[in-house]
Protein backbone atom coordinates (compact mmCIF):
# COMPACT_ATOMS: atom_id res chain seq x y z
CA MET A 1 -97.39 9.70 -15.76
CA LYS A 2 -94.32 8.15 -14.16
CA TYR A 3 -94.07 4.39 -14.78
CA ASN A 4 -92.34 1.99 -12.39
CA PHE A 5 -90.33 -0.51 -14.40
CA ASP A 6 -88.68 -1.81 -11.22
CA LYS A 7 -92.00 -3.32 -10.17
CA SER A 8 -91.82 -7.13 -9.99
CA ILE A 9 -94.97 -8.90 -11.19
CA ASN A 10 -95.63 -12.59 -10.62
CA ARG A 11 -96.48 -14.07 -14.02
CA LEU A 12 -96.66 -17.69 -12.89
CA GLY A 13 -100.06 -19.25 -13.38
CA THR A 14 -101.06 -16.87 -16.18
CA SER A 15 -100.31 -19.39 -18.97
CA SER A 16 -97.26 -17.29 -19.80
CA VAL A 17 -95.10 -18.97 -22.43
CA LYS A 18 -92.06 -17.35 -20.85
CA TRP A 19 -92.76 -18.38 -17.24
CA ASP A 20 -95.15 -21.33 -17.30
CA ARG A 21 -93.40 -23.54 -19.86
CA LEU A 22 -90.05 -23.89 -18.10
CA ASP A 23 -90.31 -27.64 -17.61
CA ARG A 24 -91.26 -28.24 -21.25
CA VAL A 25 -88.67 -25.85 -22.69
CA PHE A 26 -85.74 -26.31 -20.33
CA GLY A 27 -86.59 -29.44 -18.35
CA ASN A 28 -85.95 -27.44 -15.19
CA THR A 29 -88.49 -25.35 -13.29
CA GLU A 30 -85.76 -23.62 -11.27
CA VAL A 31 -84.38 -21.58 -14.15
CA LEU A 32 -84.88 -17.82 -14.23
CA PRO A 33 -86.64 -17.16 -17.57
CA MET A 34 -84.82 -14.58 -19.69
CA TRP A 35 -85.56 -16.01 -23.11
CA VAL A 36 -88.68 -15.47 -25.25
CA ALA A 37 -89.03 -11.89 -26.52
CA ASP A 38 -91.72 -10.42 -24.35
CA MET A 39 -91.21 -8.06 -21.41
CA ASP A 40 -91.83 -8.45 -17.69
CA PHE A 41 -93.42 -5.00 -17.56
CA GLU A 42 -97.06 -3.95 -17.47
CA ALA A 43 -98.37 -2.47 -20.70
CA PRO A 44 -98.98 1.30 -20.85
CA GLN A 45 -101.87 2.41 -18.67
CA PRO A 46 -103.80 3.88 -21.65
CA VAL A 47 -103.71 0.45 -23.28
CA ILE A 48 -104.95 -1.27 -20.13
CA ASP A 49 -107.70 1.33 -19.73
CA ALA A 50 -108.82 0.97 -23.35
CA ILE A 51 -109.01 -2.82 -23.10
CA VAL A 52 -110.92 -2.71 -19.81
CA LYS A 53 -113.37 -0.17 -21.20
CA ARG A 54 -113.98 -2.28 -24.30
CA ALA A 55 -114.35 -5.45 -22.20
CA GLN A 56 -116.93 -3.78 -19.97
CA HIS A 57 -119.19 -3.27 -22.96
CA GLY A 58 -119.95 -6.96 -22.73
CA ILE A 59 -120.55 -7.75 -26.40
CA TYR A 60 -117.62 -9.12 -28.34
CA GLY A 61 -118.98 -9.60 -31.83
CA TYR A 62 -117.31 -9.30 -35.20
CA THR A 63 -115.40 -6.05 -35.25
CA GLU A 64 -114.22 -3.86 -38.10
CA LYS A 65 -111.21 -1.58 -37.99
CA PRO A 66 -112.27 2.08 -37.79
CA ASP A 67 -110.54 4.95 -39.58
CA SER A 68 -108.96 5.95 -36.26
CA PHE A 69 -107.20 2.56 -36.16
CA TYR A 70 -105.47 3.24 -39.47
CA ALA A 71 -104.74 6.85 -38.53
CA SER A 72 -102.97 5.72 -35.37
CA ILE A 73 -100.62 3.58 -37.47
CA THR A 74 -99.86 6.20 -40.11
CA ASP A 75 -99.33 8.91 -37.50
CA TRP A 76 -96.99 6.75 -35.41
CA ILE A 77 -94.84 5.78 -38.38
CA ALA A 78 -94.66 9.37 -39.59
CA LYS A 79 -93.73 10.79 -36.18
CA ARG A 80 -91.34 8.06 -35.11
CA HIS A 81 -89.70 7.13 -38.40
CA GLY A 82 -90.38 9.97 -40.82
CA TRP A 83 -92.18 7.73 -43.29
CA LYS A 84 -95.52 8.91 -44.67
CA ILE A 85 -97.75 6.03 -45.66
CA ALA A 86 -101.33 5.83 -46.92
CA ASN A 87 -104.14 4.02 -45.10
CA ASP A 88 -104.79 1.72 -48.04
CA TRP A 89 -101.21 0.43 -47.94
CA ILE A 90 -101.98 -1.31 -44.63
CA SER A 91 -102.95 -4.96 -44.34
CA VAL A 92 -103.76 -6.29 -40.88
CA CYS A 93 -102.35 -9.65 -39.79
CA PRO A 94 -102.48 -11.87 -36.69
CA GLY A 95 -98.76 -11.38 -36.17
CA VAL A 96 -95.48 -10.71 -37.97
CA VAL A 97 -94.58 -14.41 -38.18
CA PRO A 98 -97.89 -15.18 -39.96
CA ALA A 99 -97.19 -12.20 -42.23
CA LEU A 100 -93.92 -13.82 -43.26
CA SER A 101 -95.75 -16.99 -44.23
CA PHE A 102 -98.42 -14.97 -46.05
CA SER A 103 -95.63 -13.32 -48.03
CA VAL A 104 -93.97 -16.61 -48.90
CA LEU A 105 -97.31 -18.04 -50.04
CA SER A 106 -98.22 -14.90 -51.98
CA TYR A 107 -95.02 -14.30 -53.91
CA THR A 108 -93.41 -17.70 -54.45
CA GLU A 109 -94.21 -21.21 -55.60
CA PRO A 110 -93.16 -24.49 -53.97
CA GLY A 111 -89.47 -25.07 -54.57
CA ASP A 112 -88.64 -21.36 -54.96
CA LYS A 113 -85.66 -19.87 -53.13
CA VAL A 114 -85.99 -17.44 -50.22
CA LEU A 115 -82.92 -15.69 -48.80
CA VAL A 116 -82.22 -15.00 -45.11
CA GLN A 117 -79.19 -13.68 -43.23
CA THR A 118 -78.10 -15.89 -40.34
CA PRO A 119 -77.84 -15.93 -37.43
CA VAL A 120 -81.44 -14.76 -37.52
CA TYR A 121 -84.83 -15.07 -35.84
CA TYR A 122 -85.56 -18.77 -36.24
CA PRO A 123 -89.27 -18.60 -37.28
CA PHE A 124 -87.93 -17.28 -40.59
CA PHE A 125 -86.81 -20.84 -41.33
CA SER A 126 -90.16 -22.50 -40.68
CA SER A 127 -92.07 -19.89 -42.68
CA ILE A 128 -89.96 -20.93 -45.65
CA GLU A 129 -89.43 -24.66 -45.24
CA LYS A 130 -92.86 -25.61 -43.92
CA ASN A 131 -94.35 -23.92 -46.97
CA GLY A 132 -92.22 -26.04 -49.30
CA ARG A 133 -89.71 -23.35 -50.26
CA VAL A 134 -85.91 -23.47 -50.12
CA ILE A 135 -83.71 -21.44 -47.75
CA VAL A 136 -80.72 -19.61 -49.21
CA ASN A 137 -78.35 -18.19 -46.59
CA ASN A 138 -76.36 -14.98 -46.87
CA ARG A 139 -74.51 -15.32 -43.57
CA LEU A 140 -73.61 -12.14 -41.73
CA ILE A 141 -69.93 -11.35 -41.19
CA ARG A 142 -68.70 -10.73 -37.64
CA GLU A 143 -65.83 -8.25 -37.47
CA GLY A 144 -64.54 -6.91 -34.17
CA GLY A 145 -67.73 -7.97 -32.44
CA LYS A 146 -69.95 -6.18 -34.97
CA TYR A 147 -72.04 -7.85 -37.65
CA LEU A 148 -71.92 -6.66 -41.25
CA MET A 149 -73.57 -7.80 -44.47
CA ASP A 150 -71.57 -9.69 -47.08
CA TYR A 151 -72.72 -7.80 -50.16
CA GLU A 152 -70.60 -9.79 -52.62
CA ASP A 153 -72.19 -13.02 -51.45
CA LEU A 154 -75.62 -11.36 -51.34
CA ASP A 155 -75.26 -10.19 -54.94
CA ALA A 156 -74.28 -13.67 -56.12
CA LYS A 157 -77.08 -15.44 -54.30
CA LEU A 158 -79.84 -12.99 -55.22
CA GLY A 159 -78.76 -13.47 -58.82
CA ASN A 160 -79.14 -17.22 -58.60
CA GLY A 161 -82.91 -17.53 -58.70
CA VAL A 162 -83.93 -16.09 -55.32
CA LYS A 163 -87.52 -14.81 -55.38
CA ILE A 164 -87.74 -13.21 -51.92
CA MET A 165 -85.29 -11.78 -49.40
CA ILE A 166 -86.40 -11.60 -45.77
CA LEU A 167 -84.57 -8.79 -44.00
CA CYS A 168 -84.50 -8.50 -40.20
CA SER A 169 -84.30 -4.78 -39.42
CA PRO A 170 -83.39 -4.15 -36.63
CA HIS A 171 -81.71 -7.51 -36.49
CA ASN A 172 -82.70 -10.20 -34.02
CA PRO A 173 -80.58 -11.63 -32.40
CA VAL A 174 -77.40 -9.63 -33.15
CA GLY A 175 -78.86 -6.21 -32.34
CA ARG A 176 -77.79 -4.33 -35.45
CA VAL A 177 -79.74 -1.25 -36.52
CA TRP A 178 -78.81 -1.15 -40.17
CA SER A 179 -77.62 2.24 -41.41
CA ARG A 180 -79.32 3.96 -44.32
CA GLU A 181 -76.21 3.31 -46.43
CA GLU A 182 -76.35 -0.42 -45.69
CA LEU A 183 -80.03 -0.57 -46.56
CA VAL A 184 -79.50 1.35 -49.80
CA LYS A 185 -77.06 -1.37 -50.90
CA VAL A 186 -79.61 -4.08 -50.06
CA GLY A 187 -82.26 -2.21 -52.05
CA GLU A 188 -79.98 -1.79 -55.04
CA LEU A 189 -79.23 -5.52 -55.13
CA CYS A 190 -82.89 -6.49 -54.78
CA SER A 191 -83.75 -4.12 -57.64
CA LYS A 192 -80.88 -5.42 -59.75
CA HIS A 193 -82.12 -9.00 -59.45
CA ASN A 194 -85.87 -8.23 -59.31
CA VAL A 195 -86.23 -9.73 -55.82
CA ILE A 196 -89.18 -8.95 -53.55
CA LEU A 197 -88.07 -7.70 -50.14
CA ILE A 198 -89.89 -8.65 -46.93
CA SER A 199 -88.65 -6.46 -44.10
CA ASP A 200 -89.37 -7.56 -40.53
CA GLU A 201 -89.25 -4.28 -38.62
CA ILE A 202 -91.06 -5.38 -35.46
CA HIS A 203 -88.22 -4.05 -33.23
CA SER A 204 -88.00 -0.70 -35.04
CA ASP A 205 -89.19 1.35 -32.05
CA LEU A 206 -86.64 -0.20 -29.67
CA ILE A 207 -83.56 1.79 -30.67
CA TYR A 208 -80.76 2.91 -28.34
CA SER A 209 -79.21 6.38 -28.18
CA GLY A 210 -76.97 7.30 -31.08
CA ASN A 211 -78.80 5.08 -33.56
CA ALA A 212 -81.76 5.64 -35.88
CA HIS A 213 -84.03 3.18 -37.63
CA THR A 214 -84.70 3.69 -41.34
CA PRO A 215 -87.70 1.88 -42.81
CA ILE A 216 -86.14 0.39 -45.92
CA ALA A 217 -89.24 1.13 -48.01
CA SER A 218 -88.88 4.83 -47.20
CA ILE A 219 -85.59 5.07 -49.10
CA SER A 220 -87.11 5.35 -52.56
CA GLU A 221 -90.38 4.94 -54.40
CA GLU A 222 -88.87 2.20 -56.56
CA LEU A 223 -87.79 0.21 -53.50
CA ALA A 224 -91.15 0.74 -51.80
CA LYS A 225 -92.85 -0.91 -54.79
CA ARG A 226 -91.02 -4.19 -54.15
CA THR A 227 -91.18 -4.15 -50.33
CA VAL A 228 -93.53 -5.56 -47.72
CA THR A 229 -92.80 -4.00 -44.31
CA CYS A 230 -93.97 -5.99 -41.29
CA LEU A 231 -94.66 -4.00 -38.13
CA ALA A 232 -96.47 -4.44 -34.82
CA PRO A 233 -96.98 -2.79 -31.44
CA SER A 234 -96.40 -6.15 -29.76
CA LYS A 235 -92.69 -5.83 -28.90
CA THR A 236 -92.83 -2.07 -28.33
CA PHE A 237 -95.72 -2.11 -25.86
CA ASN A 238 -95.59 -5.71 -24.59
CA ILE A 239 -98.92 -6.79 -26.09
CA ALA A 240 -97.80 -9.79 -28.15
CA GLY A 241 -100.61 -11.95 -26.75
CA LEU A 242 -103.18 -9.81 -28.57
CA SER A 243 -101.90 -11.06 -31.95
CA THR A 244 -102.27 -7.92 -34.05
CA SER A 245 -99.73 -6.65 -36.57
CA VAL A 246 -99.66 -4.83 -39.89
CA ALA A 247 -97.97 -5.20 -43.25
CA VAL A 248 -97.33 -1.98 -45.13
CA ILE A 249 -97.46 -2.72 -48.88
CA PRO A 250 -97.36 0.33 -51.18
CA ASP A 251 -97.63 -1.63 -54.45
CA ILE A 252 -101.23 -2.53 -55.28
CA ASN A 253 -100.33 -5.77 -57.04
CA LEU A 254 -98.25 -7.07 -54.14
CA ARG A 255 -100.94 -5.89 -51.73
CA ASN A 256 -103.75 -7.65 -53.59
CA LYS A 257 -101.82 -10.92 -53.66
CA PHE A 258 -101.09 -10.63 -49.93
CA ASN A 259 -104.71 -9.83 -49.05
CA ASN A 260 -105.98 -12.66 -51.22
CA THR A 261 -103.78 -15.08 -49.29
CA ILE A 262 -105.18 -13.82 -45.99
CA LYS A 263 -108.74 -14.25 -47.30
CA SER A 264 -108.02 -17.72 -48.68
CA LEU A 265 -106.94 -18.77 -45.20
CA GLY A 266 -110.02 -17.21 -43.58
CA LEU A 267 -107.95 -14.83 -41.48
CA GLU A 268 -109.25 -11.41 -42.54
CA MET A 269 -111.04 -10.80 -39.22
CA SER A 270 -109.01 -9.39 -36.31
CA ASN A 271 -109.07 -9.79 -32.54
CA LEU A 272 -111.21 -6.93 -31.24
CA PHE A 273 -108.95 -6.41 -28.20
CA GLY A 274 -105.95 -6.33 -30.51
CA ILE A 275 -107.60 -3.59 -32.55
CA THR A 276 -108.35 -1.64 -29.38
CA ALA A 277 -104.87 -2.09 -27.92
CA LEU A 278 -103.02 -1.15 -31.11
CA GLU A 279 -104.90 2.11 -31.47
CA ALA A 280 -104.46 3.01 -27.80
CA ALA A 281 -100.75 2.17 -27.88
CA TYR A 282 -99.97 4.18 -30.98
CA THR A 283 -102.08 7.18 -29.96
CA ARG A 284 -101.36 7.33 -26.21
CA GLY A 285 -98.37 5.10 -25.53
CA ALA A 286 -95.45 7.36 -26.47
CA GLU A 287 -94.79 8.56 -22.91
CA TRP A 288 -94.56 4.98 -21.66
CA MET A 289 -92.29 3.97 -24.53
CA ASP A 290 -89.88 6.83 -23.98
CA GLN A 291 -89.57 5.86 -20.30
CA LEU A 292 -89.16 2.21 -21.30
CA LEU A 293 -86.25 3.01 -23.62
CA ALA A 294 -84.51 4.99 -20.89
CA TYR A 295 -84.92 2.07 -18.48
CA LEU A 296 -83.71 -0.49 -21.02
CA GLU A 297 -80.66 1.63 -21.76
CA VAL A 298 -79.70 1.59 -18.08
CA ASN A 299 -80.31 -2.17 -17.98
CA LEU A 300 -78.05 -2.54 -20.99
CA ASP A 301 -75.25 -0.46 -19.46
CA PHE A 302 -75.59 -2.43 -16.21
CA LEU A 303 -75.25 -5.72 -18.11
CA LEU A 304 -72.29 -4.57 -20.18
CA ASP A 305 -70.41 -3.42 -17.08
CA TYR A 306 -71.29 -6.61 -15.21
CA PHE A 307 -69.94 -8.91 -17.90
CA LYS A 308 -66.83 -6.81 -18.39
CA ASN A 309 -65.99 -6.68 -14.67
CA ASN A 310 -67.27 -10.03 -13.43
CA ILE A 311 -67.69 -12.46 -16.35
CA PRO A 312 -64.95 -11.51 -18.86
CA GLY A 313 -65.05 -14.99 -20.40
CA ILE A 314 -68.37 -14.13 -22.04
CA LYS A 315 -68.12 -11.32 -24.57
CA VAL A 316 -70.97 -8.92 -25.26
CA SER A 317 -71.11 -6.43 -28.11
CA LYS A 318 -73.38 -3.49 -27.35
CA PRO A 319 -76.56 -3.84 -29.41
CA GLU A 320 -77.87 -0.82 -31.30
CA GLY A 321 -81.49 -1.86 -30.84
CA THR A 322 -83.86 -4.50 -29.37
CA TYR A 323 -83.84 -5.73 -25.78
CA LEU A 324 -82.08 -8.94 -26.82
CA ILE A 325 -78.42 -9.56 -26.02
CA TRP A 326 -76.21 -11.84 -28.11
CA LEU A 327 -73.72 -13.50 -25.77
CA ASP A 328 -70.44 -14.79 -27.24
CA CYS A 329 -69.63 -17.78 -25.04
CA ARG A 330 -66.95 -19.36 -27.21
CA GLU A 331 -64.15 -18.68 -24.74
CA LEU A 332 -65.86 -21.01 -22.27
CA GLY A 333 -64.65 -23.84 -24.53
CA MET A 334 -67.87 -25.87 -24.58
CA ASN A 335 -69.69 -27.53 -27.44
CA GLN A 336 -73.21 -26.23 -28.01
CA LYS A 337 -74.98 -29.06 -26.19
CA ASP A 338 -72.81 -28.58 -23.11
CA LEU A 339 -73.19 -24.80 -23.30
CA VAL A 340 -76.98 -25.03 -23.26
CA SER A 341 -76.84 -27.52 -20.37
CA PHE A 342 -74.45 -25.23 -18.49
CA PHE A 343 -76.90 -22.32 -18.52
CA VAL A 344 -79.90 -24.50 -17.64
CA ASN A 345 -78.40 -26.80 -15.03
CA LYS A 346 -75.45 -24.88 -13.60
CA ALA A 347 -76.41 -21.21 -13.92
CA LYS A 348 -80.14 -21.98 -13.80
CA VAL A 349 -80.87 -19.19 -16.24
CA GLY A 350 -83.26 -19.85 -19.12
CA ILE A 351 -81.96 -18.18 -22.27
CA ASN A 352 -82.08 -19.08 -25.96
CA ASP A 353 -79.73 -21.56 -27.59
CA GLY A 354 -77.78 -19.61 -30.22
CA ALA A 355 -77.71 -22.60 -32.56
CA VAL A 356 -81.44 -22.31 -33.30
CA PHE A 357 -80.74 -19.00 -35.06
CA GLY A 358 -78.91 -20.87 -37.79
CA GLU A 359 -75.40 -20.85 -39.17
CA GLY A 360 -73.13 -18.63 -37.08
CA GLY A 361 -75.11 -19.18 -33.88
CA GLU A 362 -72.91 -21.91 -32.44
CA GLY A 363 -71.08 -20.76 -29.32
CA PHE A 364 -73.64 -18.01 -28.69
CA MET A 365 -76.73 -17.60 -26.50
CA ARG A 366 -79.50 -14.97 -26.59
CA MET A 367 -80.62 -13.16 -23.43
CA ASN A 368 -83.64 -10.90 -22.81
CA ILE A 369 -83.06 -7.84 -20.58
CA ALA A 370 -86.61 -6.42 -20.71
CA CYS A 371 -87.22 -7.07 -17.03
CA PRO A 372 -86.92 -5.30 -13.67
CA ARG A 373 -83.29 -4.63 -12.78
CA SER A 374 -83.54 -6.88 -9.75
CA LEU A 375 -84.33 -9.83 -12.00
CA LEU A 376 -81.54 -8.89 -14.40
CA GLU A 377 -79.06 -8.66 -11.54
CA GLU A 378 -80.16 -12.04 -10.19
CA GLY A 379 -79.67 -13.64 -13.61
CA LEU A 380 -76.20 -12.13 -13.99
CA LYS A 381 -75.17 -13.27 -10.51
CA ARG A 382 -76.26 -16.81 -11.33
CA ILE A 383 -74.21 -16.78 -14.53
CA GLU A 384 -71.19 -15.34 -12.70
CA GLN A 385 -71.25 -18.02 -10.01
CA ALA A 386 -71.65 -20.78 -12.58
CA VAL A 387 -68.74 -19.52 -14.70
CA LYS A 388 -66.50 -19.25 -11.63
CA GLY A 389 -67.35 -22.87 -10.88
CA ILE A 390 -66.01 -24.18 -14.21
């Protein structure tokens, strides 16, 4: 089936966080929303069909997860990422962000240290601090527009009482797809200091040509035993509103602690439409995803050329994965408050404030390109005109 990603769909009035919260988020209903990480594309037709069929049954009682549900996950991970996992390693969660909090609650005590690598997806911070733990930051190094890990600093900080490291792989917002060699170093340091590794791999299917995602737990059996891998079809297939994700936990002790936390919070039941959609996406969504990646790659090339030729004052390093673009706006010479106001009130484009991603985010903004090209072009034209008006 040929999918039309150029199709524009009106999302206003659907209680869309991205489109219907503009006044609350930006204070301006005229902005073009290119912020929160969901896509302006219809989900794969097999997913839509499966949900409709299930809805037509008419009874929406408590629902278990069939063997085919687990098989769809293990098969997808094996085919796409070369990692063979067992059904009983899988714990089902209402989202990756909740899974991060479950991990913090399961493996640490109040006051314990949890390491992150900023600039990074900002819900990492709340999952730590709102649960009474302490953030330790191993800030990424930016060299020639590319972000690298500071292993010397990582070694020192992991050795200073850190209980958990939360890895973002691929990295949101900077777009790095960590190489196997980089991940091996992370694993060695976590093993050296007996640190549990929580790997957020929700963007692992969204990888651009010339790059390959390596699940960090697939590197070695020893590393797998100290790793919780968080995955979901939500970003890949644009079904985030169905609130269904998985944590892959090979070690039985870590898995039991994690599952006990879920049960203690009364969250062991899953959304029946999320169950249905996940299975349909992983079993019949590959064709759609391959076409999506091709479309996103053209969007990315279009954006890179547009900034280079028309908005050279904003620098963009080509991401290796995700549909999120990290814009370096420092040459515009604005403080962060003025920069945010510039995009909202001058360009009228709603994108994410880089400062919310933590240390190293000042002077940057995050932009979502998972939209029809016409919308992307409109957003870029608005930014161009606003920059020329400075």
